[in-house]
Amino acid sequence: AQNQVTLTASFSYTNASPALGSTHTRSDLTTVGAPGSAGLTLVKS
């Protein structure tokens, strides 16, 4: 199972006229499994 989280930083500039803002994003992906095994699958041959 996975959870994809987007972190957003919303910025409002001081003294901007008219008002001005910007956004920046980053992404974190958590995968359920043994630590260090993200992307690996256990199969039987």
All heavy atoms as atom14 arrays in JSON, in Angstrom:
{
  "sequence": "AQNQVTLTASFSYTNASPALGSTHTRSDLTTVGAPGSAGLTLVKS",
  "atom14_mask": [
    [1, 1, 1, 1, 1, 0, 0, 0, 0, 0, 0, 0, 0, 0],
    [1, 1, 1, 1, 1, 1, 1, 1, 1, 0, 0, 0, 0, 0],
    [1, 1, 1, 1, 1, 1, 1, 1, 0, 0, 0, 0, 0, 0],
    [1, 1, 1, 1, 1, 1, 1, 1, 1, 0, 0, 0, 0, 0],
    [1, 1, 1, 1, 1, 1, 1, 0, 0, 0, 0, 0, 0, 0],
    [1, 1, 1, 1, 1, 1, 1, 0, 0, 0, 0, 0, 0, 0],
    [1, 1, 1, 1, 1, 1, 1, 1, 0, 0, 0, 0, 0, 0],
    [1, 1, 1, 1, 1, 1, 1, 0, 0, 0, 0, 0, 0, 0],
    [1, 1, 1, 1, 1, 0, 0, 0, 0, 0, 0, 0, 0, 0],
    [1, 1, 1, 1, 1, 1, 0, 0, 0, 0, 0, 0, 0, 0],
    [1, 1, 1, 1, 1, 1, 1, 1, 1, 1, 1, 0, 0, 0],
    [1, 1, 1, 1, 1, 1, 0, 0, 0, 0, 0, 0, 0, 0],
    [1, 1, 1, 1, 1, 1, 1, 1, 1, 1, 1, 1, 0, 0],
    [1, 1, 1, 1, 1, 1, 1, 0, 0, 0, 0, 0, 0, 0],
    [1, 1, 1, 1, 1, 1, 1, 1, 0, 0, 0, 0, 0, 0],
    [1, 1, 1, 1, 1, 0, 0, 0, 0, 0, 0, 0, 0, 0],
    [1, 1, 1, 1, 1, 1, 0, 0, 0, 0, 0, 0, 0, 0],
    [1, 1, 1, 1, 1, 1, 1, 0, 0, 0, 0, 0, 0, 0],
    [1, 1, 1, 1, 1, 0, 0, 0, 0, 0, 0, 0, 0, 0],
    [1, 1, 1, 1, 1, 1, 1, 1, 0, 0, 0, 0, 0, 0],
    [1, 1, 1, 1, 0, 0, 0, 0, 0, 0, 0, 0, 0, 0],
    [1, 1, 1, 1, 1, 1, 0, 0, 0, 0, 0, 0, 0, 0],
    [1, 1, 1, 1, 1, 1, 1, 0, 0, 0, 0, 0, 0, 0],
    [1, 1, 1, 1, 1, 1, 1, 1, 1, 1, 0, 0, 0, 0],
    [1, 1, 1, 1, 1, 1, 1, 0, 0, 0, 0, 0, 0, 0],
    [1, 1, 1, 1, 1, 1, 1, 1, 1, 1, 1, 0, 0, 0],
    [1, 1, 1, 1, 1, 1, 0, 0, 0, 0, 0, 0, 0, 0],
    [1, 1, 1, 1, 1, 1, 1, 1, 0, 0, 0, 0, 0, 0],
    [1, 1, 1, 1, 1, 1, 1, 1, 0, 0, 0, 0, 0, 0],
    [1, 1, 1, 1, 1, 1, 1, 0, 0, 0, 0, 0, 0, 0],
    [1, 1, 1, 1, 1, 1, 1, 0, 0, 0, 0, 0, 0, 0],
    [1, 1, 1, 1, 1, 1, 1, 0, 0, 0, 0, 0, 0, 0],
    [1, 1, 1, 1, 0, 0, 0, 0, 0, 0, 0, 0, 0, 0],
    [1, 1, 1, 1, 1, 0, 0, 0, 0, 0, 0, 0, 0, 0],
    [1, 1, 1, 1, 1, 1, 1, 0, 0, 0, 0, 0, 0, 0],
    [1, 1, 1, 1, 0, 0, 0, 0, 0, 0, 0, 0, 0, 0],
    [1, 1, 1, 1, 1, 1, 0, 0, 0, 0, 0, 0, 0, 0],
    [1, 1, 1, 1, 1, 0, 0, 0, 0, 0, 0, 0, 0, 0],
    [1, 1, 1, 1, 0, 0, 0, 0, 0, 0, 0, 0, 0, 0],
    [1, 1, 1, 1, 1, 1, 1, 1, 0, 0, 0, 0, 0, 0],
    [1, 1, 1, 1, 1, 1, 1, 0, 0, 0, 0, 0, 0, 0],
    [1, 1, 1, 1, 1, 1, 1, 1, 0, 0, 0, 0, 0, 0],
    [1, 1, 1, 1, 1, 1, 1, 0, 0, 0, 0, 0, 0, 0],
    [1, 1, 1, 1, 1, 1, 1, 1, 1, 0, 0, 0, 0, 0],
    [1, 1, 1, 1, 1, 1, 0, 0, 0, 0, 0, 0, 0, 0]
  ],
  "atom14_positions": [
    [[0.86, -1.19, 0.0], [0.0, 0.0, 0.0], [0.89, 1.25, 0.0], [2.01, 1.22, 0.53], [-0.91, 0.0, 1.22], [0.0, 0.0, 0.0], [0.0, 0.0, 0.0], [0.0, 0.0, 0.0], [0.0, 0.0, 0.0], [0.0, 0.0, 0.0], [0.0, 0.0, 0.0], [0.0, 0.0, 0.0], [0.0, 0.0, 0.0], [0.0, 0.0, 0.0]],
    [[0.4, 2.32, -0.6], [1.19, 3.56, -0.68], [0.34, 4.77, -0.31], [-0.88, 4.77, -0.5], [1.73, 3.76, -2.1], [2.74, 2.71, -2.51], [3.33, 3.02, -3.87], [2.65, 3.48, -4.78], [4.62, 2.76, -4.01], [0.0, 0.0, 0.0], [0.0, 0.0, 0.0], [0.0, 0.0, 0.0], [0.0, 0.0, 0.0], [0.0, 0.0, 0.0]],
    [[1.02, 5.78, 0.19], [0.39, 7.07, 0.45], [1.3, 8.14, -0.13], [2.46, 8.27, 0.27], [0.18, 7.29, 1.95], [-0.78, 8.44, 2.22], [-1.75, 8.62, 1.5], [-0.52, 9.19, 3.26], [0.0, 0.0, 0.0], [0.0, 0.0, 0.0], [0.0, 0.0, 0.0], [0.0, 0.0, 0.0], [0.0, 0.0, 0.0], [0.0, 0.0, 0.0]],
    [[0.77, 8.89, -1.1], [1.5, 9.97, -1.76], [1.04, 11.28, -1.14], [-0.13, 11.64, -1.25], [1.19, 9.98, -3.25], [1.92, 11.03, -4.04], [3.35, 10.63, -4.34], [3.58, 9.53, -4.8], [4.28, 11.5, -4.07], [0.0, 0.0, 0.0], [0.0, 0.0, 0.0], [0.0, 0.0, 0.0], [0.0, 0.0, 0.0], [0.0, 0.0, 0.0]],
    [[1.95, 11.99, -0.47], [1.62, 13.24, 0.21], [2.29, 14.4, -0.52], [3.49, 14.36, -0.8], [2.07, 13.23, 1.69], [1.73, 14.55, 2.37], [1.45, 12.06, 2.42], [0.0, 0.0, 0.0], [0.0, 0.0, 0.0], [0.0, 0.0, 0.0], [0.0, 0.0, 0.0], [0.0, 0.0, 0.0], [0.0, 0.0, 0.0], [0.0, 0.0, 0.0]],
    [[1.49, 15.42, -0.84], [2.04, 16.64, -1.43], [2.09, 17.71, -0.36], [1.07, 18.01, 0.27], [1.16, 17.11, -2.61], [1.12, 16.08, -3.59], [1.71, 18.39, -3.23], [0.0, 0.0, 0.0], [0.0, 0.0, 0.0], [0.0, 0.0, 0.0], [0.0, 0.0, 0.0], [0.0, 0.0, 0.0], [0.0, 0.0, 0.0], [0.0, 0.0, 0.0]],
    [[3.28, 18.24, -0.12], [3.48, 19.35, 0.81], [3.48, 20.63, -0.02], [4.22, 20.73, -1.0], [4.81, 19.21, 1.55], [5.23, 20.4, 2.41], [4.3, 20.56, 3.61], [6.68, 20.23, 2.88], [0.0, 0.0, 0.0], [0.0, 0.0, 0.0], [0.0, 0.0, 0.0], [0.0, 0.0, 0.0], [0.0, 0.0, 0.0], [0.0, 0.0, 0.0]],
    [[2.66, 21.6, 0.37], [2.59, 22.88, -0.33], [3.0, 24.01, 0.6], [2.54, 24.09, 1.74], [1.16, 23.14, -0.85], [0.79, 22.09, -1.74], [1.07, 24.47, -1.58], [0.0, 0.0, 0.0], [0.0, 0.0, 0.0], [0.0, 0.0, 0.0], [0.0, 0.0, 0.0], [0.0, 0.0, 0.0], [0.0, 0.0, 0.0], [0.0, 0.0, 0.0]],
    [[3.9, 24.86, 0.12], [4.28, 26.09, 0.82], [3.65, 27.24, 0.05], [3.99, 27.47, -1.12], [5.8, 26.24, 0.86], [0.0, 0.0, 0.0], [0.0, 0.0, 0.0], [0.0, 0.0, 0.0], [0.0, 0.0, 0.0], [0.0, 0.0, 0.0], [0.0, 0.0, 0.0], [0.0, 0.0, 0.0], [0.0, 0.0, 0.0], [0.0, 0.0, 0.0]],
    [[2.71, 27.94, 0.68], [2.04, 29.1, 0.06], [2.65, 30.36, 0.65], [2.61, 30.55, 1.87], [0.54, 29.04, 0.34], [-0.02, 27.86, -0.18], [0.0, 0.0, 0.0], [0.0, 0.0, 0.0], [0.0, 0.0, 0.0], [0.0, 0.0, 0.0], [0.0, 0.0, 0.0], [0.0, 0.0, 0.0], [0.0, 0.0, 0.0], [0.0, 0.0, 0.0]],
    [[3.19, 31.2, -0.22], [3.93, 32.38, 0.23], [3.21, 33.65, -0.19], [2.73, 33.77, -1.32], [5.34, 32.36, -0.38], [6.25, 33.42, 0.16], [6.85, 33.26, 1.39], [6.51, 34.57, -0.54], [7.71, 34.22, 1.91], [7.36, 35.55, -0.04], [7.95, 35.37, 1.19], [0.0, 0.0, 0.0], [0.0, 0.0, 0.0], [0.0, 0.0, 0.0]],
    [[3.15, 34.62, 0.72], [2.57, 35.93, 0.45], [3.67, 36.97, 0.67], [4.24, 37.06, 1.76], [1.4, 36.19, 1.4], [0.88, 37.47, 1.2], [0.0, 0.0, 0.0], [0.0, 0.0, 0.0], [0.0, 0.0, 0.0], [0.0, 0.0, 0.0], [0.0, 0.0, 0.0], [0.0, 0.0, 0.0], [0.0, 0.0, 0.0], [0.0, 0.0, 0.0]],
    [[3.99, 37.74, -0.38], [5.08, 38.72, -0.31], [4.67, 39.96, 0.48], [3.57, 40.48, 0.3], [5.5, 39.14, -1.73], [6.21, 38.05, -2.49], [5.49, 37.09, -3.19], [7.59, 37.98, -2.5], [6.14, 36.08, -3.89], [8.25, 36.98, -3.19], [7.51, 36.03, -3.89], [8.15, 35.03, -4.56], [0.0, 0.0, 0.0], [0.0, 0.0, 0.0]],
    [[5.58, 40.46, 1.31], [5.38, 41.69, 2.05], [5.52, 42.88, 1.1], [6.39, 42.88, 0.23], [6.42, 41.82, 3.19], [6.28, 40.71, 4.06], [6.26, 43.1, 3.97], [0.0, 0.0, 0.0], [0.0, 0.0, 0.0], [0.0, 0.0, 0.0], [0.0, 0.0, 0.0], [0.0, 0.0, 0.0], [0.0, 0.0, 0.0], [0.0, 0.0, 0.0]],
    [[4.67, 43.88, 1.27], [4.74, 45.15, 0.53], [4.5, 45.02, -0.96], [4.86, 45.93, -1.72], [6.07, 45.88, 0.78], [6.23, 46.28, 2.23], [5.26, 46.62, 2.89], [7.45, 46.22, 2.72], [0.0, 0.0, 0.0], [0.0, 0.0, 0.0], [0.0, 0.0, 0.0], [0.0, 0.0, 0.0], [0.0, 0.0, 0.0], [0.0, 0.0, 0.0]],
    [[3.93, 43.92, -1.43], [3.61, 43.81, -2.85], [2.27, 44.49, -3.1], [1.3, 44.27, -2.39], [3.54, 42.35, -3.26], [0.0, 0.0, 0.0], [0.0, 0.0, 0.0], [0.0, 0.0, 0.0], [0.0, 0.0, 0.0], [0.0, 0.0, 0.0], [0.0, 0.0, 0.0], [0.0, 0.0, 0.0], [0.0, 0.0, 0.0], [0.0, 0.0, 0.0]],
    [[2.24, 45.34, -4.12], [1.01, 46.04, -4.45], [0.82, 46.01, -5.96], [1.65, 46.56, -6.68], [1.08, 47.48, -3.96], [-0.11, 48.15, -4.27], [0.0, 0.0, 0.0], [0.0, 0.0, 0.0], [0.0, 0.0, 0.0], [0.0, 0.0, 0.0], [0.0, 0.0, 0.0], [0.0, 0.0, 0.0], [0.0, 0.0, 0.0], [0.0, 0.0, 0.0]],
    [[-0.19, 45.31, -6.46], [-1.18, 44.56, -5.7], [-0.56, 43.31, -5.06], [0.59, 42.96, -5.35], [-2.23, 44.18, -6.76], [-1.48, 44.18, -8.05], [-0.4, 45.22, -7.91], [0.0, 0.0, 0.0], [0.0, 0.0, 0.0], [0.0, 0.0, 0.0], [0.0, 0.0, 0.0], [0.0, 0.0, 0.0], [0.0, 0.0, 0.0], [0.0, 0.0, 0.0]],
    [[-1.34, 42.66, -4.2], [-0.85, 41.49, -3.47], [-0.25, 40.46, -4.42], [-0.71, 40.3, -5.55], [-1.99, 40.87, -2.67], [0.0, 0.0, 0.0], [0.0, 0.0, 0.0], [0.0, 0.0, 0.0], [0.0, 0.0, 0.0], [0.0, 0.0, 0.0], [0.0, 0.0, 0.0], [0.0, 0.0, 0.0], [0.0, 0.0, 0.0], [0.0, 0.0, 0.0]],
    [[0.79, 39.79, -3.96], [1.48, 38.79, -4.77], [1.79, 37.57, -3.92], [2.19, 37.7, -2.76], [2.8, 39.38, -5.32], [3.68, 38.46, -6.16], [2.94, 38.03, -7.43], [4.98, 39.16, -6.51], [0.0, 0.0, 0.0], [0.0, 0.0, 0.0], [0.0, 0.0, 0.0], [0.0, 0.0, 0.0], [0.0, 0.0, 0.0], [0.0, 0.0, 0.0]],
    [[1.6, 36.41, -4.48], [1.88, 35.17, -3.78], [2.5, 34.16, -4.71], [2.5, 34.32, -5.93], [0.0, 0.0, 0.0], [0.0, 0.0, 0.0], [0.0, 0.0, 0.0], [0.0, 0.0, 0.0], [0.0, 0.0, 0.0], [0.0, 0.0, 0.0], [0.0, 0.0, 0.0], [0.0, 0.0, 0.0], [0.0, 0.0, 0.0], [0.0, 0.0, 0.0]],
    [[3.03, 33.09, -4.13], [3.59, 31.99, -4.91], [3.39, 30.7, -4.13], [3.18, 30.72, -2.92], [5.09, 32.21, -5.2], [5.83, 32.15, -3.99], [0.0, 0.0, 0.0], [0.0, 0.0, 0.0], [0.0, 0.0, 0.0], [0.0, 0.0, 0.0], [0.0, 0.0, 0.0], [0.0, 0.0, 0.0], [0.0, 0.0, 0.0], [0.0, 0.0, 0.0]],
    [[3.42, 29.59, -4.85], [3.34, 28.29, -4.19], [4.45, 27.37, -4.7], [4.86, 27.46, -5.87], [1.98, 27.59, -4.43], [1.79, 27.43, -5.83], [0.84, 28.38, -3.85], [0.0, 0.0, 0.0], [0.0, 0.0, 0.0], [0.0, 0.0, 0.0], [0.0, 0.0, 0.0], [0.0, 0.0, 0.0], [0.0, 0.0, 0.0], [0.0, 0.0, 0.0]],
    [[4.91, 26.54, -3.81], [5.92, 25.53, -4.14], [5.45, 24.21, -3.54], [4.87, 24.2, -2.44], [7.29, 25.9, -3.57], [7.85, 27.16, -4.17], [8.59, 27.15, -5.32], [7.75, 28.46, -3.8], [8.94, 28.39, -5.64], [8.44, 29.2, -4.73], [0.0, 0.0, 0.0], [0.0, 0.0, 0.0], [0.0, 0.0, 0.0], [0.0, 0.0, 0.0]],
    [[5.69, 23.11, -4.24], [5.26, 21.81, -3.74], [6.39, 20.8, -3.77], [7.32, 20.9, -4.56], [4.08, 21.24, -4.55], [4.49, 21.07, -5.91], [2.87, 22.14, -4.47], [0.0, 0.0, 0.0], [0.0, 0.0, 0.0], [0.0, 0.0, 0.0], [0.0, 0.0, 0.0], [0.0, 0.0, 0.0], [0.0, 0.0, 0.0], [0.0, 0.0, 0.0]],
    [[6.28, 19.84, -2.87], [7.17, 18.67, -2.81], [6.31, 17.45, -2.54], [5.2, 17.56, -2.03], [8.23, 18.83, -1.72], [9.31, 19.82, -2.08], [10.07, 19.31, -3.27], [11.05, 20.27, -3.71], [11.86, 20.07, -4.74], [11.78, 18.97, -5.44], [12.72, 20.98, -5.07], [0.0, 0.0, 0.0], [0.0, 0.0, 0.0], [0.0, 0.0, 0.0]],
    [[6.87, 16.28, -2.84], [6.11, 15.05, -2.72], [6.85, 14.02, -1.88], [8.07, 13.86, -2.03], [5.87, 14.49, -4.13], [5.11, 13.33, -4.07], [0.0, 0.0, 0.0], [0.0, 0.0, 0.0], [0.0, 0.0, 0.0], [0.0, 0.0, 0.0], [0.0, 0.0, 0.0], [0.0, 0.0, 0.0], [0.0, 0.0, 0.0], [0.0, 0.0, 0.0]],
    [[6.12, 13.34, -1.0], [6.66, 12.26, -0.18], [5.83, 11.0, -0.44], [4.6, 11.06, -0.4], [6.6, 12.6, 1.31], [7.49, 13.78, 1.65], [8.59, 13.91, 1.08], [7.09, 14.59, 2.51], [0.0, 0.0, 0.0], [0.0, 0.0, 0.0], [0.0, 0.0, 0.0], [0.0, 0.0, 0.0], [0.0, 0.0, 0.0], [0.0, 0.0, 0.0]],
    [[6.51, 9.89, -0.69], [5.83, 8.63, -0.97], [6.2, 7.61, 0.11], [7.37, 7.3, 0.3], [6.23, 8.08, -2.34], [5.64, 6.73, -2.71], [4.11, 6.82, -2.84], [6.25, 6.21, -4.0], [0.0, 0.0, 0.0], [0.0, 0.0, 0.0], [0.0, 0.0, 0.0], [0.0, 0.0, 0.0], [0.0, 0.0, 0.0], [0.0, 0.0, 0.0]],
    [[5.17, 7.1, 0.8], [5.37, 6.05, 1.79], [4.8, 4.76, 1.22], [3.66, 4.73, 0.76], [4.66, 6.4, 3.11], [5.2, 7.63, 3.61], [4.86, 5.31, 4.15], [0.0, 0.0, 0.0], [0.0, 0.0, 0.0], [0.0, 0.0, 0.0], [0.0, 0.0, 0.0], [0.0, 0.0, 0.0], [0.0, 0.0, 0.0], [0.0, 0.0, 0.0]],
    [[5.62, 3.69, 1.26], [5.2, 2.38, 0.8], [5.24, 1.42, 1.99], [6.21, 1.39, 2.73], [6.13, 1.86, -0.31], [6.13, 2.79, -1.4], [5.69, 0.49, -0.81], [0.0, 0.0, 0.0], [0.0, 0.0, 0.0], [0.0, 0.0, 0.0], [0.0, 0.0, 0.0], [0.0, 0.0, 0.0], [0.0, 0.0, 0.0], [0.0, 0.0, 0.0]],
    [[4.17, 0.65, 2.16], [4.12, -0.31, 3.26], [4.93, -1.54, 2.88], [4.74, -2.14, 1.82], [2.67, -0.7, 3.6], [2.63, -1.75, 4.7], [1.88, 0.54, 4.02], [0.0, 0.0, 0.0], [0.0, 0.0, 0.0], [0.0, 0.0, 0.0], [0.0, 0.0, 0.0], [0.0, 0.0, 0.0], [0.0, 0.0, 0.0], [0.0, 0.0, 0.0]],
    [[5.85, -1.9, 3.74], [6.74, -3.04, 3.55], [7.88, -2.91, 4.52], [7.96, -1.95, 5.28], [0.0, 0.0, 0.0], [0.0, 0.0, 0.0], [0.0, 0.0, 0.0], [0.0, 0.0, 0.0], [0.0, 0.0, 0.0], [0.0, 0.0, 0.0], [0.0, 0.0, 0.0], [0.0, 0.0, 0.0], [0.0, 0.0, 0.0], [0.0, 0.0, 0.0]],
    [[8.79, -3.84, 4.5], [9.95, -3.76, 5.38], [10.76, -2.51, 5.03], [10.93, -2.19, 3.86], [10.81, -5.0, 5.23], [0.0, 0.0, 0.0], [0.0, 0.0, 0.0], [0.0, 0.0, 0.0], [0.0, 0.0, 0.0], [0.0, 0.0, 0.0], [0.0, 0.0, 0.0], [0.0, 0.0, 0.0], [0.0, 0.0, 0.0], [0.0, 0.0, 0.0]],
    [[11.23, -1.77, 6.03], [12.03, -0.58, 5.74], [13.17, -0.91, 4.77], [13.85, -1.91, 4.92], [12.56, -0.17, 7.11], [11.53, -0.69, 8.07], [11.05, -1.99, 7.46], [0.0, 0.0, 0.0], [0.0, 0.0, 0.0], [0.0, 0.0, 0.0], [0.0, 0.0, 0.0], [0.0, 0.0, 0.0], [0.0, 0.0, 0.0], [0.0, 0.0, 0.0]],
    [[13.31, -0.07, 3.75], [14.35, -0.27, 2.76], [13.91, -1.16, 1.6], [14.66, -1.39, 0.67], [0.0, 0.0, 0.0], [0.0, 0.0, 0.0], [0.0, 0.0, 0.0], [0.0, 0.0, 0.0], [0.0, 0.0, 0.0], [0.0, 0.0, 0.0], [0.0, 0.0, 0.0], [0.0, 0.0, 0.0], [0.0, 0.0, 0.0], [0.0, 0.0, 0.0]],
    [[12.65, -1.65, 1.62], [12.21, -2.55, 0.55], [11.23, -1.91, -0.42], [10.61, -2.62, -1.19], [11.55, -3.8, 1.17], [10.33, -3.45, 1.79], [0.0, 0.0, 0.0], [0.0, 0.0, 0.0], [0.0, 0.0, 0.0], [0.0, 0.0, 0.0], [0.0, 0.0, 0.0], [0.0, 0.0, 0.0], [0.0, 0.0, 0.0], [0.0, 0.0, 0.0]],
    [[11.09, -0.6, -0.39], [10.14, 0.06, -1.28], [10.42, -0.33, -2.72], [11.55, -0.31, -3.18], [10.22, 1.57, -1.12], [0.0, 0.0, 0.0], [0.0, 0.0, 0.0], [0.0, 0.0, 0.0], [0.0, 0.0, 0.0], [0.0, 0.0, 0.0], [0.0, 0.0, 0.0], [0.0, 0.0, 0.0], [0.0, 0.0, 0.0], [0.0, 0.0, 0.0]],
    [[9.39, -0.75, -3.43], [9.54, -1.12, -4.83], [9.9, -2.57, -5.04], [9.99, -3.04, -6.16], [0.0, 0.0, 0.0], [0.0, 0.0, 0.0], [0.0, 0.0, 0.0], [0.0, 0.0, 0.0], [0.0, 0.0, 0.0], [0.0, 0.0, 0.0], [0.0, 0.0, 0.0], [0.0, 0.0, 0.0], [0.0, 0.0, 0.0], [0.0, 0.0, 0.0]],
    [[10.17, -3.33, -3.98], [10.49, -4.75, -4.12], [9.25, -5.58, -3.86], [8.42, -5.24, -3.03], [11.59, -5.15, -3.13], [12.92, -4.41, -3.27], [13.89, -4.87, -2.19], [13.52, -4.65, -4.63], [0.0, 0.0, 0.0], [0.0, 0.0, 0.0], [0.0, 0.0, 0.0], [0.0, 0.0, 0.0], [0.0, 0.0, 0.0], [0.0, 0.0, 0.0]],
    [[9.14, -6.7, -4.57], [7.99, -7.59, -4.41], [8.49, -8.99, -4.11], [9.41, -9.48, -4.78], [7.15, -7.62, -5.7], [6.8, -6.28, -6.04], [5.9, -8.46, -5.51], [0.0, 0.0, 0.0], [0.0, 0.0, 0.0], [0.0, 0.0, 0.0], [0.0, 0.0, 0.0], [0.0, 0.0, 0.0], [0.0, 0.0, 0.0], [0.0, 0.0, 0.0]],
    [[7.89, -9.65, -3.15], [8.26, -11.01, -2.8], [7.42, -11.96, -3.65], [6.2, -11.88, -3.66], [7.99, -11.25, -1.31], [8.52, -12.55, -0.72], [10.04, -12.58, -0.83], [8.1, -12.67, 0.73], [0.0, 0.0, 0.0], [0.0, 0.0, 0.0], [0.0, 0.0, 0.0], [0.0, 0.0, 0.0], [0.0, 0.0, 0.0], [0.0, 0.0, 0.0]],
    [[8.09, -12.88, -4.39], [7.39, -13.84, -5.24], [7.95, -15.22, -5.01], [9.11, -15.39, -4.6], [7.5, -13.49, -6.74], [6.84, -12.17, -7.05], [8.94, -13.49, -7.19], [0.0, 0.0, 0.0], [0.0, 0.0, 0.0], [0.0, 0.0, 0.0], [0.0, 0.0, 0.0], [0.0, 0.0, 0.0], [0.0, 0.0, 0.0], [0.0, 0.0, 0.0]],
    [[7.15, -16.25, -5.33], [7.63, -17.64, -5.26], [7.88, -18.12, -6.67], [7.05, -17.94, -7.54], [6.61, -18.54, -4.56], [6.52, -18.29, -3.09], [5.69, -19.35, -2.42], [5.71, -19.1, -0.93], [5.09, -20.19, -0.22], [0.0, 0.0, 0.0], [0.0, 0.0, 0.0], [0.0, 0.0, 0.0], [0.0, 0.0, 0.0], [0.0, 0.0, 0.0]],
    [[9.01, -18.76, -6.87], [9.31, -19.3, -8.19], [8.75, -20.72, -8.31], [8.26, -21.28, -7.34], [10.83, -19.29, -8.43], [11.45, -20.19, -7.54], [0.0, 0.0, 0.0], [0.0, 0.0, 0.0], [0.0, 0.0, 0.0], [0.0, 0.0, 0.0], [0.0, 0.0, 0.0], [0.0, 0.0, 0.0], [0.0, 0.0, 0.0], [0.0, 0.0, 0.0]]
  ]
}
